């Protein structure tokens, strides 16, 4: 009979992350469900490599990637990782500065990132440097809009057609 490993409490995961990443300019905190690392794009690769390869962390599974339009703050990308070995989760949040939506690709570390990165690039306009095939995944290849940007050119028409139920347009 195998013994089930209980997940570590989030505060213990946060402490472990603080020990591993204390010298990098990252902020480590917790959400209601996971530990979170706020990481600038230039340190993202180093953080992910450590999350995956360090024996005490062993985040071997990429659950999801979500691209978010943060308006004046820029674009953000949230990565959710899980460690089957330690039965714990971590989220890494990467905020790109306005006008510079570049994040290093992690497709070589996590092959599942391939489609997730393509979707985030297509929907909100993030650019994943080093991605092997960053073409549209859901829209036609010649479509050059990012429909999940809060100021995309079709937003007003979609609201007027009843696709969204708020006031048309977006005020910057």
N, C-alpha and C. Protein backbone atom coordinates (compact mmCIF):
# COMPACT_ATOMS: atom_id res chain seq x y z
N UNK A 1 0.85 -1.18 0.00
CA UNK A 1 0.00 0.00 0.00
C UNK A 1 0.89 1.24 0.00
N UNK A 2 0.68 2.13 -0.95
CA UNK A 2 1.52 3.33 -1.04
C UNK A 2 1.01 4.41 -0.10
N UNK A 3 1.94 5.17 0.39
CA UNK A 3 1.63 6.26 1.30
C UNK A 3 1.36 7.52 0.48
N UNK A 4 0.26 8.21 0.72
CA UNK A 4 -0.07 9.44 0.01
C UNK A 4 0.63 10.61 0.69
N UNK A 5 1.33 11.38 -0.10
CA UNK A 5 2.04 12.54 0.42
C UNK A 5 1.07 13.71 0.52
N UNK A 6 0.93 14.26 1.71
CA UNK A 6 0.04 15.40 1.91
C UNK A 6 0.72 16.66 1.36
N UNK A 7 -0.05 17.54 0.73
CA UNK A 7 0.55 18.79 0.24
C UNK A 7 1.04 19.65 1.39
N UNK A 8 2.11 20.40 1.13
CA UNK A 8 2.61 21.34 2.14
C UNK A 8 1.65 22.51 2.23
N UNK A 9 1.48 23.05 3.43
CA UNK A 9 0.68 24.28 3.53
C UNK A 9 1.33 25.40 2.71
N UNK A 10 0.50 26.30 2.22
CA UNK A 10 0.98 27.37 1.33
C UNK A 10 2.07 28.19 1.99
N UNK A 11 1.94 28.48 3.28
CA UNK A 11 2.96 29.30 3.94
C UNK A 11 4.32 28.61 3.95
N UNK A 12 4.35 27.28 4.02
CA UNK A 12 5.62 26.56 3.95
C UNK A 12 6.22 26.63 2.54
N UNK A 13 5.36 26.56 1.54
CA UNK A 13 5.82 26.69 0.16
C UNK A 13 6.40 28.09 -0.06
N UNK A 14 5.73 29.11 0.48
CA UNK A 14 6.22 30.48 0.36
C UNK A 14 7.59 30.61 1.00
N UNK A 15 7.80 30.04 2.17
CA UNK A 15 9.11 30.09 2.85
C UNK A 15 10.18 29.42 2.02
N UNK A 16 9.87 28.26 1.45
CA UNK A 16 10.84 27.55 0.61
C UNK A 16 11.20 28.39 -0.62
N UNK A 17 10.20 29.02 -1.23
CA UNK A 17 10.45 29.87 -2.40
C UNK A 17 11.29 31.08 -2.01
N UNK A 18 11.02 31.67 -0.86
CA UNK A 18 11.82 32.81 -0.40
C UNK A 18 13.28 32.42 -0.20
N UNK A 19 13.52 31.22 0.29
CA UNK A 19 14.90 30.73 0.45
C UNK A 19 15.58 30.57 -0.90
N UNK A 20 14.87 30.03 -1.87
CA UNK A 20 15.46 29.75 -3.19
C UNK A 20 15.64 31.02 -4.02
N UNK A 21 14.74 31.99 -3.90
CA UNK A 21 14.74 33.15 -4.78
C UNK A 21 15.02 34.47 -4.07
N UNK A 22 15.50 34.41 -2.86
CA UNK A 22 15.72 35.61 -2.06
C UNK A 22 16.65 36.63 -2.69
N UNK A 23 17.56 36.19 -3.55
CA UNK A 23 18.52 37.12 -4.16
C UNK A 23 18.02 37.73 -5.47
N UNK A 24 16.96 37.19 -6.01
CA UNK A 24 16.40 37.74 -7.26
C UNK A 24 15.38 38.83 -6.95
N UNK A 25 15.19 39.78 -7.86
CA UNK A 25 14.19 40.84 -7.63
C UNK A 25 12.76 40.36 -7.93
N UNK A 26 12.30 39.41 -7.11
CA UNK A 26 10.95 38.88 -7.24
C UNK A 26 10.21 39.12 -5.93
N UNK A 27 8.89 39.14 -6.00
CA UNK A 27 8.06 39.25 -4.80
C UNK A 27 7.32 37.93 -4.63
N UNK A 28 7.42 37.36 -3.46
CA UNK A 28 6.78 36.08 -3.19
C UNK A 28 5.68 36.31 -2.17
N UNK A 29 4.48 35.85 -2.51
CA UNK A 29 3.33 36.00 -1.63
C UNK A 29 2.41 34.82 -1.83
N UNK A 30 1.21 34.90 -1.34
CA UNK A 30 0.28 33.79 -1.55
C UNK A 30 -1.09 34.31 -1.94
N UNK A 31 -1.74 33.51 -2.77
CA UNK A 31 -3.13 33.77 -3.13
C UNK A 31 -3.99 32.91 -2.20
N UNK A 32 -5.27 32.84 -2.45
CA UNK A 32 -6.14 32.00 -1.63
C UNK A 32 -5.81 30.52 -1.80
N UNK A 33 -5.24 30.14 -2.95
CA UNK A 33 -5.01 28.72 -3.22
C UNK A 33 -3.56 28.34 -3.46
N UNK A 34 -2.70 29.28 -3.83
CA UNK A 34 -1.34 28.95 -4.23
C UNK A 34 -0.33 29.96 -3.72
N UNK A 35 0.91 29.54 -3.72
CA UNK A 35 2.01 30.49 -3.57
C UNK A 35 2.14 31.23 -4.89
N UNK A 36 2.57 32.48 -4.86
CA UNK A 36 2.70 33.29 -6.07
C UNK A 36 4.06 33.97 -6.09
N UNK A 37 4.67 33.99 -7.27
CA UNK A 37 5.93 34.70 -7.48
C UNK A 37 5.67 35.77 -8.53
N UNK A 38 5.81 37.06 -8.14
CA UNK A 38 5.75 38.16 -9.10
C UNK A 38 7.17 38.34 -9.62
N UNK A 39 7.33 38.18 -10.93
CA UNK A 39 8.67 38.10 -11.51
C UNK A 39 8.78 39.01 -12.74
N UNK A 40 9.84 39.82 -12.82
CA UNK A 40 10.03 40.62 -14.04
C UNK A 40 10.43 39.69 -15.20
N UNK A 41 10.11 40.08 -16.43
CA UNK A 41 10.40 39.21 -17.58
C UNK A 41 11.86 38.78 -17.70
N UNK A 42 12.79 39.67 -17.35
CA UNK A 42 14.21 39.35 -17.52
C UNK A 42 14.71 38.27 -16.56
N UNK A 43 13.95 37.95 -15.52
CA UNK A 43 14.35 36.88 -14.59
C UNK A 43 13.45 35.66 -14.67
N UNK A 44 12.48 35.71 -15.57
CA UNK A 44 11.49 34.64 -15.66
C UNK A 44 12.12 33.28 -15.96
N UNK A 45 13.00 33.21 -16.96
CA UNK A 45 13.62 31.92 -17.31
C UNK A 45 14.35 31.31 -16.12
N UNK A 46 15.13 32.11 -15.43
CA UNK A 46 15.90 31.59 -14.28
C UNK A 46 14.96 31.05 -13.20
N UNK A 47 13.87 31.76 -12.95
CA UNK A 47 12.90 31.30 -11.95
C UNK A 47 12.28 29.97 -12.37
N UNK A 48 11.83 29.88 -13.62
CA UNK A 48 11.17 28.65 -14.09
C UNK A 48 12.14 27.48 -14.10
N UNK A 49 13.37 27.70 -14.53
CA UNK A 49 14.36 26.62 -14.53
C UNK A 49 14.59 26.10 -13.11
N UNK A 50 14.66 27.00 -12.15
CA UNK A 50 14.85 26.60 -10.75
C UNK A 50 13.61 25.86 -10.24
N UNK A 51 12.42 26.35 -10.56
CA UNK A 51 11.19 25.68 -10.13
C UNK A 51 11.15 24.25 -10.65
N UNK A 52 11.56 24.06 -11.87
CA UNK A 52 11.49 22.74 -12.47
C UNK A 52 12.62 21.82 -12.00
N UNK A 53 13.83 22.33 -11.92
CA UNK A 53 15.00 21.47 -11.74
C UNK A 53 15.47 21.28 -10.31
N UNK A 54 15.12 22.17 -9.39
CA UNK A 54 15.59 22.01 -8.02
C UNK A 54 14.83 20.87 -7.35
N UNK A 55 15.55 19.96 -6.71
CA UNK A 55 14.93 18.74 -6.16
C UNK A 55 13.88 19.02 -5.08
N UNK A 56 14.03 20.12 -4.33
CA UNK A 56 13.05 20.44 -3.29
C UNK A 56 11.80 21.11 -3.85
N UNK A 57 11.86 21.55 -5.08
CA UNK A 57 10.71 22.20 -5.70
C UNK A 57 10.03 21.25 -6.68
N UNK A 58 10.73 20.84 -7.72
CA UNK A 58 10.27 19.83 -8.68
C UNK A 58 8.90 20.12 -9.28
N UNK A 59 8.70 21.35 -9.76
CA UNK A 59 7.44 21.69 -10.43
C UNK A 59 7.51 21.16 -11.85
N UNK A 60 7.03 19.93 -12.01
CA UNK A 60 7.20 19.20 -13.26
C UNK A 60 6.03 19.32 -14.22
N UNK A 61 4.97 20.01 -13.83
CA UNK A 61 3.77 20.08 -14.66
C UNK A 61 3.32 21.53 -14.81
N UNK A 62 3.15 21.96 -16.05
CA UNK A 62 2.59 23.28 -16.35
C UNK A 62 1.09 23.11 -16.53
N UNK A 63 0.33 23.67 -15.61
CA UNK A 63 -1.14 23.54 -15.66
C UNK A 63 -1.76 24.46 -16.69
N UNK A 64 -1.32 25.73 -16.69
CA UNK A 64 -2.02 26.70 -17.51
C UNK A 64 -1.18 27.96 -17.66
N UNK A 65 -1.44 28.69 -18.73
CA UNK A 65 -0.88 30.03 -18.94
C UNK A 65 -2.05 30.93 -19.33
N UNK A 66 -2.12 32.10 -18.71
CA UNK A 66 -3.19 33.05 -19.01
C UNK A 66 -2.58 34.42 -19.29
N UNK A 67 -2.92 35.00 -20.43
CA UNK A 67 -2.51 36.37 -20.75
C UNK A 67 -3.58 37.35 -20.31
N UNK A 68 -3.16 38.48 -19.71
CA UNK A 68 -4.12 39.44 -19.16
C UNK A 68 -3.72 40.85 -19.57
N UNK A 69 -4.70 41.64 -19.98
CA UNK A 69 -4.51 43.06 -20.27
C UNK A 69 -4.68 43.82 -18.97
N UNK A 70 -3.60 44.42 -18.47
CA UNK A 70 -3.65 45.15 -17.20
C UNK A 70 -3.75 46.67 -17.44
N UNK A 71 -4.24 47.05 -18.61
CA UNK A 71 -4.43 48.45 -18.98
C UNK A 71 -3.13 49.23 -18.94
N UNK A 72 -3.08 50.28 -18.16
CA UNK A 72 -1.90 51.16 -18.13
C UNK A 72 -0.66 50.47 -17.58
N UNK A 73 -0.83 49.38 -16.83
CA UNK A 73 0.31 48.68 -16.24
C UNK A 73 1.04 47.82 -17.27
N UNK A 74 0.41 47.49 -18.38
CA UNK A 74 1.00 46.63 -19.40
C UNK A 74 0.24 45.32 -19.50
N UNK A 75 0.87 44.34 -20.11
CA UNK A 75 0.28 43.01 -20.23
C UNK A 75 0.92 42.10 -19.19
N UNK A 76 0.15 41.17 -18.69
CA UNK A 76 0.65 40.22 -17.71
C UNK A 76 0.40 38.81 -18.21
N UNK A 77 1.19 37.90 -17.69
CA UNK A 77 1.00 36.49 -17.99
C UNK A 77 1.11 35.73 -16.67
N UNK A 78 0.14 34.88 -16.41
CA UNK A 78 0.15 34.06 -15.20
C UNK A 78 0.36 32.61 -15.61
N UNK A 79 1.33 32.00 -14.95
CA UNK A 79 1.68 30.60 -15.20
C UNK A 79 1.36 29.81 -13.94
N UNK A 80 0.62 28.71 -14.08
CA UNK A 80 0.35 27.84 -12.95
C UNK A 80 1.12 26.53 -13.13
N UNK A 81 1.95 26.22 -12.12
CA UNK A 81 2.75 25.00 -12.13
C UNK A 81 2.32 24.10 -10.97
N UNK A 82 2.55 22.80 -11.13
CA UNK A 82 2.25 21.83 -10.08
C UNK A 82 3.39 20.85 -9.95
N UNK A 83 3.69 20.46 -8.72
CA UNK A 83 4.69 19.45 -8.44
C UNK A 83 3.99 18.17 -8.01
N UNK A 84 4.07 17.14 -8.85
CA UNK A 84 3.48 15.86 -8.46
C UNK A 84 4.26 15.23 -7.31
N UNK A 85 5.55 15.43 -7.30
CA UNK A 85 6.39 14.88 -6.23
C UNK A 85 5.99 15.46 -4.87
N UNK A 86 5.79 16.76 -4.80
CA UNK A 86 5.50 17.43 -3.53
C UNK A 86 4.03 17.78 -3.33
N UNK A 87 3.23 17.53 -4.34
CA UNK A 87 1.79 17.83 -4.30
C UNK A 87 1.54 19.28 -3.87
N UNK A 88 2.19 20.19 -4.57
CA UNK A 88 2.01 21.61 -4.28
C UNK A 88 1.96 22.39 -5.58
N UNK A 89 1.39 23.58 -5.51
CA UNK A 89 1.22 24.42 -6.69
C UNK A 89 1.87 25.77 -6.46
N UNK A 90 2.27 26.37 -7.57
CA UNK A 90 2.80 27.73 -7.52
C UNK A 90 2.33 28.46 -8.77
N UNK A 91 2.10 29.74 -8.62
CA UNK A 91 1.76 30.60 -9.74
C UNK A 91 2.90 31.60 -9.92
N UNK A 92 3.30 31.82 -11.16
CA UNK A 92 4.29 32.84 -11.47
C UNK A 92 3.59 33.90 -12.31
N UNK A 93 3.64 35.15 -11.84
CA UNK A 93 3.03 36.26 -12.54
C UNK A 93 4.12 37.13 -13.14
N UNK A 94 4.07 37.32 -14.45
CA UNK A 94 5.05 38.14 -15.16
C UNK A 94 4.32 39.34 -15.74
N UNK A 95 4.69 40.53 -15.28
CA UNK A 95 4.09 41.78 -15.78
C UNK A 95 5.08 42.42 -16.74
N UNK A 96 4.64 42.65 -17.97
CA UNK A 96 5.50 43.31 -18.96
C UNK A 96 5.20 44.80 -18.95
N UNK A 97 6.21 45.63 -19.15
CA UNK A 97 5.96 47.07 -19.16
C UNK A 97 5.15 47.48 -20.40
N UNK A 98 4.39 48.57 -20.32
CA UNK A 98 3.61 49.03 -21.48
C UNK A 98 4.51 49.22 -22.70
N UNK A 99 4.06 48.71 -23.83
CA UNK A 99 4.80 48.86 -25.07
C UNK A 99 5.94 47.87 -25.26
N UNK A 100 6.18 46.97 -24.31
CA UNK A 100 7.26 45.99 -24.42
C UNK A 100 6.76 44.63 -23.90
N UNK A 101 5.86 43.98 -24.66
CA UNK A 101 5.20 42.77 -24.16
C UNK A 101 6.00 41.49 -24.37
N UNK A 102 7.30 41.53 -24.12
CA UNK A 102 8.17 40.37 -24.37
C UNK A 102 8.38 39.53 -23.11
N UNK A 103 8.23 38.22 -23.26
CA UNK A 103 8.50 37.24 -22.21
C UNK A 103 9.25 36.08 -22.87
N UNK A 104 10.27 35.54 -22.23
CA UNK A 104 10.95 34.38 -22.81
C UNK A 104 10.00 33.18 -22.89
N UNK A 105 10.08 32.45 -23.98
CA UNK A 105 9.28 31.23 -24.14
C UNK A 105 9.84 30.13 -23.23
N UNK A 106 8.94 29.26 -22.76
CA UNK A 106 9.38 28.11 -21.97
C UNK A 106 8.99 26.80 -22.65
N UNK A 107 8.79 26.84 -23.96
CA UNK A 107 8.38 25.63 -24.68
C UNK A 107 9.43 24.54 -24.62
N UNK A 108 10.70 24.91 -24.49
CA UNK A 108 11.75 23.88 -24.39
C UNK A 108 11.75 23.20 -23.03
N UNK A 109 11.24 23.87 -21.99
CA UNK A 109 11.17 23.29 -20.65
C UNK A 109 9.85 22.54 -20.43
N UNK A 110 8.78 23.10 -20.95
CA UNK A 110 7.44 22.52 -20.82
C UNK A 110 6.80 22.53 -22.21
N UNK A 111 6.81 21.41 -22.91
CA UNK A 111 6.21 21.38 -24.26
C UNK A 111 4.75 21.84 -24.29
N UNK A 112 4.01 21.67 -23.21
CA UNK A 112 2.61 22.12 -23.17
C UNK A 112 2.49 23.63 -23.30
N UNK A 113 3.58 24.35 -23.05
CA UNK A 113 3.55 25.81 -23.17
C UNK A 113 3.35 26.25 -24.61
N UNK A 114 3.62 25.38 -25.56
CA UNK A 114 3.54 25.74 -26.98
C UNK A 114 2.18 26.36 -27.31
N UNK A 115 1.11 25.65 -27.11
CA UNK A 115 -0.21 26.15 -27.48
C UNK A 115 -0.67 27.25 -26.54
N UNK A 116 -0.34 27.14 -25.26
CA UNK A 116 -0.73 28.20 -24.31
C UNK A 116 -0.10 29.54 -24.70
N UNK A 117 1.18 29.52 -25.05
CA UNK A 117 1.85 30.76 -25.45
C UNK A 117 1.28 31.30 -26.75
N UNK A 118 0.97 30.42 -27.69
CA UNK A 118 0.37 30.86 -28.95
C UNK A 118 -0.97 31.54 -28.69
N UNK A 119 -1.76 30.96 -27.80
CA UNK A 119 -3.07 31.55 -27.50
C UNK A 119 -2.91 32.92 -26.83
N UNK A 120 -2.01 33.03 -25.86
CA UNK A 120 -1.80 34.32 -25.18
C UNK A 120 -1.26 35.37 -26.15
N UNK A 121 -0.39 34.97 -27.07
CA UNK A 121 0.13 35.90 -28.07
C UNK A 121 -0.99 36.39 -28.98
N UNK A 122 -1.82 35.48 -29.41
CA UNK A 122 -2.91 35.80 -30.32
C UNK A 122 -4.00 36.64 -29.66
N UNK A 123 -4.37 36.29 -28.45
CA UNK A 123 -5.50 36.94 -27.81
C UNK A 123 -5.18 38.30 -27.20
N UNK A 124 -3.98 38.47 -26.60
CA UNK A 124 -3.67 39.76 -25.96
C UNK A 124 -2.43 40.44 -26.51
N UNK A 125 -1.67 39.78 -27.38
CA UNK A 125 -0.52 40.44 -27.99
C UNK A 125 0.81 40.26 -27.28
N UNK A 126 0.91 39.30 -26.37
CA UNK A 126 2.21 39.01 -25.76
C UNK A 126 3.14 38.42 -26.81
N UNK A 127 4.43 38.67 -26.66
CA UNK A 127 5.44 38.13 -27.58
C UNK A 127 6.34 37.21 -26.77
N UNK A 128 6.38 35.94 -27.13
CA UNK A 128 7.19 34.95 -26.42
C UNK A 128 8.48 34.72 -27.21
N UNK A 129 9.53 35.38 -26.74
CA UNK A 129 10.83 35.31 -27.42
C UNK A 129 11.37 33.88 -27.38
N UNK A 130 11.75 33.37 -28.55
CA UNK A 130 12.29 32.02 -28.66
C UNK A 130 11.25 30.95 -28.93
N UNK A 131 9.97 31.35 -29.06
CA UNK A 131 8.93 30.36 -29.36
C UNK A 131 9.16 29.81 -30.77
N UNK A 132 9.03 28.50 -30.96
CA UNK A 132 9.35 27.91 -32.27
C UNK A 132 8.33 28.19 -33.37
N UNK A 133 7.08 28.57 -33.03
CA UNK A 133 6.06 28.71 -34.06
C UNK A 133 4.92 29.60 -33.55
N UNK A 134 5.18 30.86 -33.41
CA UNK A 134 4.23 31.76 -32.77
C UNK A 134 3.20 32.30 -33.77
N UNK A 135 2.48 31.40 -34.43
CA UNK A 135 1.42 31.84 -35.35
C UNK A 135 0.07 31.67 -34.68
N UNK A 136 -0.95 32.28 -35.26
CA UNK A 136 -2.29 32.22 -34.68
C UNK A 136 -2.73 30.77 -34.49
N UNK A 137 -3.41 30.55 -33.39
CA UNK A 137 -3.92 29.23 -33.05
C UNK A 137 -5.42 29.13 -33.29
N UNK A 138 -6.16 30.18 -32.93
CA UNK A 138 -7.62 30.15 -32.98
C UNK A 138 -8.20 30.98 -34.12
N UNK A 139 -7.59 32.11 -34.42
CA UNK A 139 -8.08 32.99 -35.48
C UNK A 139 -7.39 32.66 -36.80
N UNK A 140 -7.94 33.16 -37.89
CA UNK A 140 -7.29 32.98 -39.18
C UNK A 140 -5.89 33.59 -39.13
N UNK A 141 -4.98 33.04 -39.90
CA UNK A 141 -3.59 33.48 -39.86
C UNK A 141 -3.40 34.94 -40.24
N UNK A 142 -4.29 35.49 -41.08
CA UNK A 142 -4.11 36.88 -41.52
C UNK A 142 -4.79 37.89 -40.58
N UNK A 143 -5.44 37.43 -39.51
CA UNK A 143 -6.08 38.33 -38.55
C UNK A 143 -5.01 38.89 -37.63
N UNK A 144 -4.94 40.22 -37.55
CA UNK A 144 -3.89 40.88 -36.78
C UNK A 144 -4.42 41.70 -35.62
N UNK A 145 -5.57 41.30 -35.09
CA UNK A 145 -6.10 41.98 -33.90
C UNK A 145 -5.90 41.04 -32.70
N UNK A 146 -5.99 41.60 -31.52
CA UNK A 146 -5.89 40.81 -30.29
C UNK A 146 -7.21 40.99 -29.55
N UNK A 147 -8.16 40.07 -29.74
CA UNK A 147 -9.53 40.29 -29.29
C UNK A 147 -9.72 40.40 -27.78
N UNK A 148 -8.77 39.97 -26.96
CA UNK A 148 -8.96 40.10 -25.52
C UNK A 148 -8.31 41.35 -24.93
N UNK A 149 -7.72 42.18 -25.80
CA UNK A 149 -7.27 43.49 -25.31
C UNK A 149 -8.50 44.32 -25.00
N UNK A 150 -8.44 45.07 -23.95
CA UNK A 150 -9.61 45.85 -23.56
C UNK A 150 -9.92 46.97 -24.55
N UNK A 151 -8.98 47.29 -25.42
CA UNK A 151 -9.20 48.35 -26.41
C UNK A 151 -9.13 47.81 -27.84
N UNK A 152 -9.45 46.53 -28.05
CA UNK A 152 -9.36 46.01 -29.42
C UNK A 152 -10.41 46.66 -30.31
N UNK A 153 -10.13 46.75 -31.62
CA UNK A 153 -10.98 47.56 -32.51
C UNK A 153 -12.42 47.07 -32.67
N UNK A 154 -12.73 45.84 -32.33
CA UNK A 154 -14.10 45.34 -32.48
C UNK A 154 -14.90 45.38 -31.19
N UNK A 155 -14.31 45.89 -30.12
CA UNK A 155 -15.00 45.86 -28.84
C UNK A 155 -16.35 46.59 -28.89
N UNK A 156 -16.36 47.79 -29.45
CA UNK A 156 -17.61 48.56 -29.48
C UNK A 156 -18.68 47.84 -30.29
N UNK A 157 -18.31 47.28 -31.43
CA UNK A 157 -19.30 46.55 -32.25
C UNK A 157 -19.83 45.32 -31.52
N UNK A 158 -18.97 44.61 -30.80
CA UNK A 158 -19.42 43.43 -30.08
C UNK A 158 -20.41 43.80 -28.97
N UNK A 159 -20.14 44.89 -28.29
CA UNK A 159 -21.05 45.32 -27.23
C UNK A 159 -22.38 45.73 -27.82
N UNK A 160 -22.37 46.47 -28.94
CA UNK A 160 -23.61 46.90 -29.57
C UNK A 160 -24.41 45.71 -30.12
N UNK A 161 -23.73 44.62 -30.48
CA UNK A 161 -24.41 43.43 -30.98
C UNK A 161 -24.95 42.56 -29.86
N UNK A 162 -24.65 42.93 -28.63
CA UNK A 162 -25.14 42.16 -27.50
C UNK A 162 -24.20 41.08 -27.02
N UNK A 163 -22.99 41.03 -27.58
CA UNK A 163 -22.04 40.02 -27.13
C UNK A 163 -21.56 40.33 -25.72
N UNK A 164 -21.43 41.61 -25.40
CA UNK A 164 -21.08 42.04 -24.05
C UNK A 164 -22.22 42.93 -23.56
N UNK A 165 -22.38 43.04 -22.25
CA UNK A 165 -23.52 43.80 -21.73
C UNK A 165 -23.10 45.05 -20.96
N UNK A 166 -21.98 45.65 -21.33
CA UNK A 166 -21.55 46.88 -20.68
C UNK A 166 -21.63 48.04 -21.68
N UNK A 167 -21.26 49.22 -21.24
CA UNK A 167 -21.25 50.38 -22.11
C UNK A 167 -20.22 50.21 -23.21
N UNK A 168 -20.56 50.55 -24.46
CA UNK A 168 -19.61 50.40 -25.56
C UNK A 168 -18.35 51.23 -25.36
N UNK A 169 -17.25 50.67 -25.82
CA UNK A 169 -15.97 51.39 -25.82
C UNK A 169 -15.22 51.28 -24.51
N UNK A 170 -14.04 51.80 -24.55
CA UNK A 170 -13.19 51.80 -23.36
C UNK A 170 -12.50 53.14 -23.25
N UNK A 171 -12.55 53.77 -22.11
CA UNK A 171 -11.94 55.06 -21.90
C UNK A 171 -10.55 54.88 -21.32
N UNK A 172 -9.56 55.43 -22.03
CA UNK A 172 -8.18 55.36 -21.51
C UNK A 172 -7.90 56.54 -20.63
